[in-house]
């Protein structure tokens, strides 16, 4: 039972999940990802599907049932939530906050679920000793070796060491127990500025197979692609990634990615996707060019935000009451 609990938690806290993917798609390690898997522009033409996913987050996946009339009605409910100061306008900051909320909704749900699972008594904090006992207690049982490895090659001792290091960084007050906010940083370190060096270190540890503390081109490609043999032709994206490594990732040209180069790769600096998208949506819908949107302006251009699709926003709206 404890083993099953552990595997659920482990799969939730790893930065890059081991999700099967088509061979023609690279593993994505970039943390500050785009707001949608869709291209924003296709053949120089604007792609509205990008805006729908950026504006609605994962809810956009089910936007295929409602008529334009019902879609517009539900969009109106969303606009009322976005306008936090109730002044009748949606400004860029409010729109950016909404986009960030929709993009991170699954993270908040994940934090709530795991906090309740680990802390059913709703205590103010969770001590490391209790967490370790719940997640790794099975390692102390007599019928398990100290460094038990499962069928897929996961070393529990390595995972325990990694968790301990991440826990210590998340524990900002140094009491070896995490508050809910600190636990959120532990569970999703990619979302917290003070945790990002840990994310970089864990990424290097994942990819650095020879243990020299840096990532070679072979290790970089090997993390994304496994060749079927010498006769197999590499996919085009693999060739592109090799070019990316040599021309952009390896900034000092020494053939390796060091700590700072890995950080620049997985945490691209100085670009706020949510702010850029908020600015774009206002530009598209702001008919009077006053840099803010009325509810009528948004509904008039509903196809930019939701198209002729929508979903049941009841649950999302209820959760957003606390936003």
C-alpha atoms as a PDB file:
ATOM      1  CA  UNK A   1       0.000   0.000   0.000  1.00  0.00           C
ATOM      2  CA  UNK A   2       2.761   2.433   0.935  1.00  0.00           C
ATOM      3  CA  UNK A   3       4.536   1.621  -2.313  1.00  0.00           C
ATOM      4  CA  UNK A   4       1.425   2.599  -4.274  1.00  0.00           C
ATOM      5  CA  UNK A   5       1.088   5.825  -2.306  1.00  0.00           C
ATOM      6  CA  UNK A   6       4.724   6.615  -2.958  1.00  0.00           C
ATOM      7  CA  UNK A   7       4.483   6.095  -6.685  1.00  0.00           C
ATOM      8  CA  UNK A   8       1.460   8.401  -6.903  1.00  0.00           C
ATOM      9  CA  UNK A   9       3.322  11.125  -5.045  1.00  0.00           C
ATOM     10  CA  UNK A  10       6.528  10.659  -6.981  1.00  0.00           C
ATOM     11  CA  UNK A  11       4.786  10.927 -10.307  1.00  0.00           C
ATOM     12  CA  UNK A  12       3.175  14.142  -9.095  1.00  0.00           C
ATOM     13  CA  UNK A  13       6.372  15.854  -7.952  1.00  0.00           C
ATOM     14  CA  UNK A  14       8.803  15.097 -10.744  1.00  0.00           C
ATOM     15  CA  UNK A  15       9.377  18.083 -13.001  1.00  0.00           C
ATOM     16  CA  UNK A  16       9.256  16.178 -16.256  1.00  0.00           C
ATOM     17  CA  UNK A  17       6.788  13.338 -16.224  1.00  0.00           C
ATOM     18  CA  UNK A  18       7.588  10.136 -18.070  1.00  0.00           C
ATOM     19  CA  UNK A  19       4.663  10.411 -20.449  1.00  0.00           C
ATOM     20  CA  UNK A  20       4.725   8.400 -23.677  1.00  0.00           C
ATOM     21  CA  UNK A  21       5.114  10.626 -26.691  1.00  0.00           C
ATOM     22  CA  UNK A  22       5.301  10.152 -30.438  1.00  0.00           C
ATOM     23  CA  UNK A  23       8.831   9.577 -31.724  1.00  0.00           C
ATOM     24  CA  UNK A  24       8.618  12.726 -33.808  1.00  0.00           C
ATOM     25  CA  UNK A  25       8.136  14.949 -30.730  1.00  0.00           C
ATOM     26  CA  UNK A  26      10.917  15.957 -28.307  1.00  0.00           C
ATOM     27  CA  UNK A  27      10.624  15.760 -24.528  1.00  0.00           C
ATOM     28  CA  UNK A  28       9.751  19.212 -23.231  1.00  0.00           C
ATOM     29  CA  UNK A  29      11.818  20.391 -20.262  1.00  0.00           C
ATOM     30  CA  UNK A  30      11.262  24.132 -20.616  1.00  0.00           C
ATOM     31  CA  UNK A  31       9.416  25.355 -17.526  1.00  0.00           C
ATOM     32  CA  UNK A  32       8.211  28.756 -18.702  1.00  0.00           C
ATOM     33  CA  UNK A  33       6.296  27.171 -21.556  1.00  0.00           C
ATOM     34  CA  UNK A  34       4.013  28.838 -24.023  1.00  0.00           C
ATOM     35  CA  UNK A  35       0.329  29.164 -23.147  1.00  0.00           C
ATOM     36  CA  UNK A  36      -0.808  26.671 -25.761  1.00  0.00           C
ATOM     37  CA  UNK A  37       0.512  23.785 -27.810  1.00  0.00           C
ATOM     38  CA  UNK A  38      -1.046  25.512 -30.800  1.00  0.00           C
ATOM     39  CA  UNK A  39       0.996  27.770 -33.053  1.00  0.00           C
ATOM     40  CA  UNK A  40      -0.060  31.404 -32.565  1.00  0.00           C
ATOM     41  CA  UNK A  41       0.372  32.122 -36.249  1.00  0.00           C
ATOM     42  CA  UNK A  42       0.040  29.599 -39.080  1.00  0.00           C
ATOM     43  CA  UNK A  43       1.402  30.670 -42.464  1.00  0.00           C
ATOM     44  CA  UNK A  44       1.382  34.277 -41.228  1.00  0.00           C
ATOM     45  CA  UNK A  45      -2.321  34.009 -40.313  1.00  0.00           C
ATOM     46  CA  UNK A  46      -3.531  34.389 -36.745  1.00  0.00           C
ATOM     47  CA  UNK A  47      -4.637  31.101 -35.146  1.00  0.00           C
ATOM     48  CA  UNK A  48      -7.599  31.672 -32.788  1.00  0.00           C
ATOM     49  CA  UNK A  49      -7.154  28.231 -31.195  1.00  0.00           C
ATOM     50  CA  UNK A  50      -4.030  29.546 -29.479  1.00  0.00           C
ATOM     51  CA  UNK A  51      -5.987  32.381 -27.854  1.00  0.00           C
ATOM     52  CA  UNK A  52      -8.767  30.027 -26.754  1.00  0.00           C
ATOM     53  CA  UNK A  53      -6.297  27.752 -24.937  1.00  0.00           C
ATOM     54  CA  UNK A  54      -4.393  30.708 -23.492  1.00  0.00           C
ATOM     55  CA  UNK A  55      -7.597  32.321 -22.191  1.00  0.00           C
ATOM     56  CA  UNK A  56      -9.302  29.158 -20.943  1.00  0.00           C
ATOM     57  CA  UNK A  57      -6.450  26.840 -20.025  1.00  0.00           C
ATOM     58  CA  UNK A  58      -7.286  23.152 -19.957  1.00  0.00           C
ATOM     59  CA  UNK A  59     -11.000  23.959 -20.102  1.00  0.00           C
ATOM     60  CA  UNK A  60     -10.527  24.758 -23.795  1.00  0.00           C
ATOM     61  CA  UNK A  61     -10.207  21.030 -24.535  1.00  0.00           C
ATOM     62  CA  UNK A  62     -13.956  20.559 -24.219  1.00  0.00           C
ATOM     63  CA  UNK A  63     -15.042  23.621 -26.176  1.00  0.00           C
ATOM     64  CA  UNK A  64     -16.947  21.757 -28.833  1.00  0.00           C
ATOM     65  CA  UNK A  65     -20.523  21.457 -27.611  1.00  0.00           C
ATOM     66  CA  UNK A  66     -22.181  24.861 -27.270  1.00  0.00           C
ATOM     67  CA  UNK A  67     -23.737  27.213 -29.748  1.00  0.00           C
ATOM     68  CA  UNK A  68     -22.309  30.700 -30.259  1.00  0.00           C
ATOM     69  CA  UNK A  69     -25.193  32.094 -28.187  1.00  0.00           C
ATOM     70  CA  UNK A  70     -24.517  29.847 -25.193  1.00  0.00           C
ATOM     71  CA  UNK A  71     -20.780  30.333 -25.574  1.00  0.00           C
ATOM     72  CA  UNK A  72     -21.247  34.103 -25.453  1.00  0.00           C
ATOM     73  CA  UNK A  73     -23.481  33.866 -22.398  1.00  0.00           C
ATOM     74  CA  UNK A  74     -20.902  31.863 -20.482  1.00  0.00           C
ATOM     75  CA  UNK A  75     -18.134  34.179 -21.591  1.00  0.00           C
ATOM     76  CA  UNK A  76     -20.113  36.995 -19.970  1.00  0.00           C
ATOM     77  CA  UNK A  77     -19.955  35.131 -16.644  1.00  0.00           C
ATOM     78  CA  UNK A  78     -16.211  34.844 -16.989  1.00  0.00           C
ATOM     79  CA  UNK A  79     -15.839  38.559 -17.739  1.00  0.00           C
ATOM     80  CA  UNK A  80     -17.650  39.378 -14.495  1.00  0.00           C
ATOM     81  CA  UNK A  81     -15.063  37.307 -12.628  1.00  0.00           C
ATOM     82  CA  UNK A  82     -12.095  38.837 -14.425  1.00  0.00           C
ATOM     83  CA  UNK A  83     -13.233  42.389 -13.558  1.00  0.00           C
ATOM     84  CA  UNK A  84     -12.040  42.143  -9.957  1.00  0.00           C
ATOM     85  CA  UNK A  85     -12.549  45.800  -9.055  1.00  0.00           C
ATOM     86  CA  UNK A  86     -16.062  45.787 -10.570  1.00  0.00           C
ATOM     87  CA  UNK A  87     -15.495  49.028 -12.458  1.00  0.00           C
ATOM     88  CA  UNK A  88     -16.968  47.733 -15.708  1.00  0.00           C
ATOM     89  CA  UNK A  89     -13.602  47.385 -17.467  1.00  0.00           C
ATOM     90  CA  UNK A  90     -11.077  44.595 -17.900  1.00  0.00           C
ATOM     91  CA  UNK A  91      -7.578  46.036 -17.928  1.00  0.00           C
ATOM     92  CA  UNK A  92      -4.350  44.322 -18.951  1.00  0.00           C
ATOM     93  CA  UNK A  93      -3.400  43.382 -15.398  1.00  0.00           C
ATOM     94  CA  UNK A  94      -6.766  41.754 -14.691  1.00  0.00           C
ATOM     95  CA  UNK A  95      -6.641  39.861 -17.953  1.00  0.00           C
ATOM     96  CA  UNK A  96      -3.089  38.717 -17.268  1.00  0.00           C
ATOM     97  CA  UNK A  97      -4.088  37.510 -13.786  1.00  0.00           C
ATOM     98  CA  UNK A  98      -6.980  35.519 -15.266  1.00  0.00           C
ATOM     99  CA  UNK A  99      -4.735  33.893 -17.875  1.00  0.00           C
ATOM    100  CA  UNK A 100      -2.237  32.919 -15.182  1.00  0.00           C
ATOM    101  CA  UNK A 101      -5.064  31.517 -13.085  1.00  0.00           C
ATOM    102  CA  UNK A 102      -6.422  29.333 -15.879  1.00  0.00           C
ATOM    103  CA  UNK A 103      -2.956  28.122 -16.795  1.00  0.00           C
ATOM    104  CA  UNK A 104      -2.111  27.194 -13.188  1.00  0.00           C
ATOM    105  CA  UNK A 105      -5.490  25.862 -12.090  1.00  0.00           C
ATOM    106  CA  UNK A 106      -4.354  22.245 -12.305  1.00  0.00           C
ATOM    107  CA  UNK A 107      -1.358  23.068 -10.098  1.00  0.00           C
ATOM    108  CA  UNK A 108      -3.578  24.488  -7.364  1.00  0.00           C
ATOM    109  CA  UNK A 109      -5.860  21.448  -7.575  1.00  0.00           C
ATOM    110  CA  UNK A 110      -2.829  19.173  -7.280  1.00  0.00           C
ATOM    111  CA  UNK A 111      -1.521  21.050  -4.242  1.00  0.00           C
ATOM    112  CA  UNK A 112      -4.899  20.887  -2.496  1.00  0.00           C
ATOM    113  CA  UNK A 113      -5.244  17.164  -3.159  1.00  0.00           C
ATOM    114  CA  UNK A 114      -1.789  16.222  -1.913  1.00  0.00           C
ATOM    115  CA  UNK A 115      -1.883  18.545   1.095  1.00  0.00           C
ATOM    116  CA  UNK A 116      -5.131  16.942   2.268  1.00  0.00           C
ATOM    117  CA  UNK A 117      -3.716  13.481   1.589  1.00  0.00           C
ATOM    118  CA  UNK A 118      -0.564  14.140   3.622  1.00  0.00           C
ATOM    119  CA  UNK A 119      -2.211  16.288   6.277  1.00  0.00           C
ATOM    120  CA  UNK A 120      -5.727  14.939   6.872  1.00  0.00           C
ATOM    121  CA  UNK A 121      -5.836  16.532  10.326  1.00  0.00           C
ATOM    122  CA  UNK A 122      -5.261  19.934   8.710  1.00  0.00           C
ATOM    123  CA  UNK A 123      -2.336  20.827  10.933  1.00  0.00           C
ATOM    124  CA  UNK A 124      -0.469  24.046  10.209  1.00  0.00           C
ATOM    125  CA  UNK A 125       2.588  22.236   8.954  1.00  0.00           C
ATOM    126  CA  UNK A 126       3.868  18.851   7.825  1.00  0.00           C
ATOM    127  CA  UNK A 127       7.100  17.607   9.477  1.00  0.00           C
ATOM    128  CA  UNK A 128       9.712  15.911   7.303  1.00  0.00           C
ATOM    129  CA  UNK A 129       9.653  12.869   9.600  1.00  0.00           C
ATOM    130  CA  UNK A 130       5.952  12.289   8.865  1.00  0.00           C
ATOM    131  CA  UNK A 131       6.368  12.829   5.134  1.00  0.00           C
ATOM    132  CA  UNK A 132       9.363  10.478   4.979  1.00  0.00           C
ATOM    133  CA  UNK A 133       7.513   7.804   6.939  1.00  0.00           C
ATOM    134  CA  UNK A 134       4.499   7.964   4.649  1.00  0.00           C
ATOM    135  CA  UNK A 135       6.393   8.049   1.369  1.00  0.00           C
ATOM    136  CA  UNK A 136       9.551   6.078   2.079  1.00  0.00           C
ATOM    137  CA  UNK A 137       8.634   4.038   5.158  1.00  0.00           C
ATOM    138  CA  UNK A 138       8.527   0.829   3.134  1.00  0.00           C
ATOM    139  CA  UNK A 139      12.317   1.133   2.621  1.00  0.00           C
ATOM    140  CA  UNK A 140      12.815   0.361   6.296  1.00  0.00           C
ATOM    141  CA  UNK A 141      10.895  -2.905   6.135  1.00  0.00           C
ATOM    142  CA  UNK A 142      13.023  -6.006   6.489  1.00  0.00           C
ATOM    143  CA  UNK A 143      12.062  -7.451   3.107  1.00  0.00           C
ATOM    144  CA  UNK A 144      13.351  -4.418   1.203  1.00  0.00           C
ATOM    145  CA  UNK A 145      16.929  -3.441   0.466  1.00  0.00           C
ATOM    146  CA  UNK A 146      18.056   0.050   1.461  1.00  0.00           C
ATOM    147  CA  UNK A 147      18.328   1.081  -2.177  1.00  0.00           C
ATOM    148  CA  UNK A 148      15.340  -0.673  -3.678  1.00  0.00           C
ATOM    149  CA  UNK A 149      14.903  -0.144  -7.425  1.00  0.00           C
ATOM    150  CA  UNK A 150      11.581  -0.828  -9.118  1.00  0.00           C
ATOM    151  CA  UNK A 151      10.939  -2.485 -12.462  1.00  0.00           C
ATOM    152  CA  UNK A 152      11.283   0.806 -14.345  1.00  0.00           C
ATOM    153  CA  UNK A 153      14.647   1.658 -12.836  1.00  0.00           C
ATOM    154  CA  UNK A 154      13.549   4.216 -10.241  1.00  0.00           C
ATOM    155  CA  UNK A 155      15.967   4.186  -7.306  1.00  0.00           C
ATOM    156  CA  UNK A 156      14.088   5.037  -4.128  1.00  0.00           C
ATOM    157  CA  UNK A 157      17.278   5.981  -2.288  1.00  0.00           C
ATOM    158  CA  UNK A 158      18.082   8.520  -5.014  1.00  0.00           C
ATOM    159  CA  UNK A 159      14.520   9.829  -4.857  1.00  0.00           C
ATOM    160  CA  UNK A 160      14.710  10.141  -1.073  1.00  0.00           C
ATOM    161  CA  UNK A 161      17.965  12.102  -1.335  1.00  0.00           C
ATOM    162  CA  UNK A 162      16.437  14.403  -3.956  1.00  0.00           C
ATOM    163  CA  UNK A 163      13.280  14.961  -1.916  1.00  0.00           C
ATOM    164  CA  UNK A 164      15.348  15.774   1.171  1.00  0.00           C
ATOM    165  CA  UNK A 165      17.327  18.402  -0.705  1.00  0.00           C
ATOM    166  CA  UNK A 166      14.209  19.934  -2.247  1.00  0.00           C
ATOM    167  CA  UNK A 167      12.433  19.892   1.133  1.00  0.00           C
ATOM    168  CA  UNK A 168      15.292  21.809   2.764  1.00  0.00           C
ATOM    169  CA  UNK A 169      15.133  24.554   0.151  1.00  0.00           C
ATOM    170  CA  UNK A 170      11.334  24.807   0.397  1.00  0.00           C
ATOM    171  CA  UNK A 171      11.574  25.017   4.210  1.00  0.00           C
ATOM    172  CA  UNK A 172      12.231  28.745   4.368  1.00  0.00           C
ATOM    173  CA  UNK A 173      11.882  29.093   8.153  1.00  0.00           C
ATOM    174  CA  UNK A 174      14.214  26.151   8.810  1.00  0.00           C
ATOM    175  CA  UNK A 175      11.966  24.206  11.185  1.00  0.00           C
ATOM    176  CA  UNK A 176      12.079  21.010   9.069  1.00  0.00           C
ATOM    177  CA  UNK A 177       8.321  21.163   8.630  1.00  0.00           C
ATOM    178  CA  UNK A 178       6.451  22.661   5.702  1.00  0.00           C
ATOM    179  CA  UNK A 179       3.476  24.971   5.807  1.00  0.00           C
ATOM    180  CA  UNK A 180       0.969  24.627   3.000  1.00  0.00           C
ATOM    181  CA  UNK A 181       2.724  27.399   1.076  1.00  0.00           C
ATOM    182  CA  UNK A 182       6.125  25.765   1.576  1.00  0.00           C
ATOM    183  CA  UNK A 183       4.678  22.388   0.586  1.00  0.00           C
ATOM    184  CA  UNK A 184       3.378  23.963  -2.619  1.00  0.00           C
ATOM    185  CA  UNK A 185       6.938  25.062  -3.402  1.00  0.00           C
ATOM    186  CA  UNK A 186       8.183  21.546  -2.655  1.00  0.00           C
ATOM    187  CA  UNK A 187       5.548  19.923  -4.840  1.00  0.00           C
ATOM    188  CA  UNK A 188       5.892  22.386  -7.736  1.00  0.00           C
ATOM    189  CA  UNK A 189       9.304  24.053  -7.405  1.00  0.00           C
ATOM    190  CA  UNK A 190       9.146  25.306 -10.978  1.00  0.00           C
ATOM    191  CA  UNK A 191       6.529  27.842  -9.857  1.00  0.00           C
ATOM    192  CA  UNK A 192       8.687  29.516  -7.198  1.00  0.00           C
ATOM    193  CA  UNK A 193      11.650  31.779  -7.878  1.00  0.00           C
ATOM    194  CA  UNK A 194      13.593  30.635  -4.808  1.00  0.00           C
ATOM    195  CA  UNK A 195      13.253  26.988  -5.888  1.00  0.00           C
ATOM    196  CA  UNK A 196      14.490  27.316  -9.442  1.00  0.00           C
ATOM    197  CA  UNK A 197      18.126  26.494  -8.712  1.00  0.00           C
ATOM    198  CA  UNK A 198      16.861  23.174  -7.376  1.00  0.00           C
ATOM    199  CA  UNK A 199      14.971  22.598 -10.624  1.00  0.00           C
ATOM    200  CA  UNK A 200      18.148  23.275 -12.611  1.00  0.00           C
ATOM    201  CA  UNK A 201      20.178  20.903 -10.441  1.00  0.00           C
ATOM    202  CA  UNK A 202      17.580  18.143 -10.737  1.00  0.00           C
ATOM    203  CA  UNK A 203      17.484  18.580 -14.510  1.00  0.00           C
ATOM    204  CA  UNK A 204      21.256  18.207 -14.743  1.00  0.00           C
ATOM    205  CA  UNK A 205      21.166  15.140 -12.500  1.00  0.00           C
ATOM    206  CA  UNK A 206      18.502  13.586 -14.722  1.00  0.00           C
ATOM    207  CA  UNK A 207      20.396  14.078 -17.976  1.00  0.00           C
ATOM    208  CA  UNK A 208      24.046  13.913 -16.870  1.00  0.00           C
ATOM    209  CA  UNK A 209      24.717  10.188 -17.269  1.00  0.00           C
ATOM    210  CA  UNK A 210      28.488  10.286 -16.735  1.00  0.00           C
ATOM    211  CA  UNK A 211      28.233  12.343 -13.556  1.00  0.00           C
ATOM    212  CA  UNK A 212      30.587  15.148 -14.579  1.00  0.00           C
ATOM    213  CA  UNK A 213      28.115  17.854 -13.559  1.00  0.00           C
ATOM    214  CA  UNK A 214      27.379  19.100 -17.076  1.00  0.00           C
ATOM    215  CA  UNK A 215      25.434  18.011 -20.140  1.00  0.00           C
ATOM    216  CA  UNK A 216      27.086  16.936 -23.373  1.00  0.00           C
ATOM    217  CA  UNK A 217      25.401  16.958 -26.770  1.00  0.00           C
ATOM    218  CA  UNK A 218      25.016  13.174 -26.620  1.00  0.00           C
ATOM    219  CA  UNK A 219      23.339  13.413 -23.199  1.00  0.00           C
ATOM    220  CA  UNK A 220      21.159  16.305 -24.342  1.00  0.00           C
ATOM    221  CA  UNK A 221      19.845  14.395 -27.368  1.00  0.00           C
ATOM    222  CA  UNK A 222      19.712  11.106 -25.472  1.00  0.00           C
ATOM    223  CA  UNK A 223      17.265  12.651 -23.014  1.00  0.00           C
ATOM    224  CA  UNK A 224      14.845  13.328 -25.888  1.00  0.00           C
ATOM    225  CA  UNK A 225      15.492  10.607 -28.410  1.00  0.00           C
ATOM    226  CA  UNK A 226      16.562   6.963 -28.470  1.00  0.00           C
ATOM    227  CA  UNK A 227      17.837   5.769 -31.826  1.00  0.00           C
ATOM    228  CA  UNK A 228      16.587   2.481 -33.197  1.00  0.00           C
ATOM    229  CA  UNK A 229      19.992   1.702 -34.704  1.00  0.00           C
ATOM    230  CA  UNK A 230      22.705   3.044 -36.973  1.00  0.00           C
ATOM    231  CA  UNK A 231      20.561   2.610 -40.087  1.00  0.00           C
ATOM    232  CA  UNK A 232      17.651   4.589 -38.708  1.00  0.00           C
ATOM    233  CA  UNK A 233      17.475   8.140 -39.996  1.00  0.00           C
ATOM    234  CA  UNK A 234      17.102  10.775 -37.321  1.00  0.00           C
ATOM    235  CA  UNK A 235      13.841  12.741 -37.288  1.00  0.00           C
ATOM    236  CA  UNK A 236      14.134  16.317 -38.484  1.00  0.00           C
ATOM    237  CA  UNK A 237      13.453  17.676 -35.009  1.00  0.00           C
ATOM    238  CA  UNK A 238      16.526  15.834 -33.677  1.00  0.00           C
ATOM    239  CA  UNK A 239      18.706  17.565 -36.265  1.00  0.00           C
ATOM    240  CA  UNK A 240      17.120  20.871 -35.259  1.00  0.00           C
ATOM    241  CA  UNK A 241      17.810  20.194 -31.572  1.00  0.00           C
ATOM    242  CA  UNK A 242      21.468  19.500 -32.329  1.00  0.00           C
ATOM    243  CA  UNK A 243      21.634  22.849 -34.082  1.00  0.00           C
ATOM    244  CA  UNK A 244      19.882  24.503 -31.109  1.00  0.00           C
ATOM    245  CA  UNK A 245      22.425  22.973 -28.741  1.00  0.00           C
ATOM    246  CA  UNK A 246      25.446  24.150 -30.726  1.00  0.00           C
ATOM    247  CA  UNK A 247      24.190  27.557 -31.824  1.00  0.00           C
ATOM    248  CA  UNK A 248      22.079  28.742 -28.868  1.00  0.00           C
ATOM    249  CA  UNK A 249      22.199  26.530 -25.771  1.00  0.00           C
ATOM    250  CA  UNK A 250      25.985  26.102 -25.514  1.00  0.00           C
ATOM    251  CA  UNK A 251      26.765  29.792 -25.212  1.00  0.00           C
ATOM    252  CA  UNK A 252      30.477  29.464 -24.467  1.00  0.00           C
ATOM    253  CA  UNK A 253      31.016  26.868 -27.189  1.00  0.00           C
ATOM    254  CA  UNK A 254      32.772  24.289 -25.017  1.00  0.00           C
ATOM    255  CA  UNK A 255      30.524  21.413 -26.106  1.00  0.00           C
ATOM    256  CA  UNK A 256      28.672  21.181 -22.793  1.00  0.00           C
ATOM    257  CA  UNK A 257      25.811  22.858 -20.942  1.00  0.00           C
ATOM    258  CA  UNK A 258      26.844  24.094 -17.507  1.00  0.00           C
ATOM    259  CA  UNK A 259      24.538  25.167 -14.688  1.00  0.00           C
ATOM    260  CA  UNK A 260      23.879  28.667 -16.044  1.00  0.00           C
ATOM    261  CA  UNK A 261      23.348  27.434 -19.605  1.00  0.00           C
ATOM    262  CA  UNK A 262      20.857  24.822 -18.406  1.00  0.00           C
ATOM    263  CA  UNK A 263      19.032  27.527 -16.460  1.00  0.00           C
ATOM    264  CA  UNK A 264      18.810  29.722 -19.560  1.00  0.00           C
ATOM    265  CA  UNK A 265      17.466  26.720 -21.475  1.00  0.00           C
ATOM    266  CA  UNK A 266      14.732  25.499 -19.138  1.00  0.00           C
ATOM    267  CA  UNK A 267      13.857  28.863 -17.573  1.00  0.00           C
ATOM    268  CA  UNK A 268      13.956  31.401 -20.414  1.00  0.00           C
ATOM    269  CA  UNK A 269      14.517  34.876 -18.938  1.00  0.00           C
ATOM    270  CA  UNK A 270      12.640  38.122 -19.411  1.00  0.00           C
ATOM    271  CA  UNK A 271       9.468  36.995 -21.168  1.00  0.00           C
ATOM    272  CA  UNK A 272       6.011  36.919 -19.615  1.00  0.00           C
ATOM    273  CA  UNK A 273       3.719  34.821 -21.819  1.00  0.00           C
ATOM    274  CA  UNK A 274       0.583  35.799 -19.887  1.00  0.00           C
ATOM    275  CA  UNK A 275       1.336  39.505 -20.158  1.00  0.00           C
ATOM    276  CA  UNK A 276       2.058  39.210 -23.885  1.00  0.00           C
ATOM    277  CA  UNK A 277      -1.201  37.345 -24.467  1.00  0.00           C
ATOM    278  CA  UNK A 278      -3.220  39.849 -22.400  1.00  0.00           C
ATOM    279  CA  UNK A 279      -1.743  42.654 -24.451  1.00  0.00           C
ATOM    280  CA  UNK A 280      -2.592  40.801 -27.671  1.00  0.00           C
ATOM    281  CA  UNK A 281      -6.208  40.100 -26.658  1.00  0.00           C
ATOM    282  CA  UNK A 282      -6.782  43.734 -25.719  1.00  0.00           C
ATOM    283  CA  UNK A 283      -5.320  44.851 -29.041  1.00  0.00           C
ATOM    284  CA  UNK A 284      -7.671  42.498 -30.910  1.00  0.00           C
ATOM    285  CA  UNK A 285     -10.860  43.465 -29.039  1.00  0.00           C
ATOM    286  CA  UNK A 286     -10.305  47.095 -27.995  1.00  0.00           C
ATOM    287  CA  UNK A 287     -12.516  48.879 -30.535  1.00  0.00           C
ATOM    288  CA  UNK A 288     -12.194  52.337 -28.944  1.00  0.00           C
ATOM    289  CA  UNK A 289      -8.417  51.996 -28.377  1.00  0.00           C
ATOM    290  CA  UNK A 290      -8.531  53.013 -24.700  1.00  0.00           C
ATOM    291  CA  UNK A 291      -6.267  50.089 -23.658  1.00  0.00           C
ATOM    292  CA  UNK A 292      -9.007  48.349 -21.683  1.00  0.00           C
ATOM    293  CA  UNK A 293     -12.032  46.248 -22.540  1.00  0.00           C
ATOM    294  CA  UNK A 294     -15.686  46.643 -21.686  1.00  0.00           C
ATOM    295  CA  UNK A 295     -17.854  43.588 -21.364  1.00  0.00           C
ATOM    296  CA  UNK A 296     -19.571  44.537 -24.625  1.00  0.00           C
ATOM    297  CA  UNK A 297     -16.238  44.726 -26.450  1.00  0.00           C
ATOM    298  CA  UNK A 298     -15.298  41.250 -25.254  1.00  0.00           C
ATOM    299  CA  UNK A 299     -18.660  39.735 -26.124  1.00  0.00           C
ATOM    300  CA  UNK A 300     -18.632  41.415 -29.521  1.00  0.00           C
ATOM    301  CA  UNK A 301     -15.349  39.643 -30.252  1.00  0.00           C
ATOM    302  CA  UNK A 302     -16.266  36.454 -28.390  1.00  0.00           C
ATOM    303  CA  UNK A 303     -14.686  34.314 -31.121  1.00  0.00           C
ATOM    304  CA  UNK A 304     -11.254  35.643 -30.154  1.00  0.00           C
ATOM    305  CA  UNK A 305     -11.678  34.438 -26.579  1.00  0.00           C
ATOM    306  CA  UNK A 306     -13.786  31.271 -26.861  1.00  0.00           C
ATOM    307  CA  UNK A 307     -14.968  30.823 -30.431  1.00  0.00           C
ATOM    308  CA  UNK A 308     -18.198  28.921 -31.032  1.00  0.00           C
ATOM    309  CA  UNK A 309     -17.315  26.529 -28.262  1.00  0.00           C
ATOM    310  CA  UNK A 310     -17.575  26.495 -24.483  1.00  0.00           C
ATOM    311  CA  UNK A 311     -17.714  24.179 -21.522  1.00  0.00           C
ATOM    312  CA  UNK A 312     -19.326  23.948 -18.091  1.00  0.00           C
ATOM    313  CA  UNK A 313     -17.634  26.762 -16.244  1.00  0.00           C
ATOM    314  CA  UNK A 314     -19.635  26.264 -13.069  1.00  0.00           C
ATOM    315  CA  UNK A 315     -16.819  24.498 -11.229  1.00  0.00           C
ATOM    316  CA  UNK A 316     -14.135  26.841 -12.552  1.00  0.00           C
ATOM    317  CA  UNK A 317     -16.137  29.905 -11.588  1.00  0.00           C
ATOM    318  CA  UNK A 318     -16.782  28.579  -8.113  1.00  0.00           C
ATOM    319  CA  UNK A 319     -13.065  27.985  -7.591  1.00  0.00           C
ATOM    320  CA  UNK A 320     -12.298  31.438  -8.904  1.00  0.00           C
ATOM    321  CA  UNK A 321     -14.352  33.028  -6.111  1.00  0.00           C
ATOM    322  CA  UNK A 322     -11.195  32.876  -3.961  1.00  0.00           C
ATOM    323  CA  UNK A 323      -9.008  34.321  -6.724  1.00  0.00           C
END
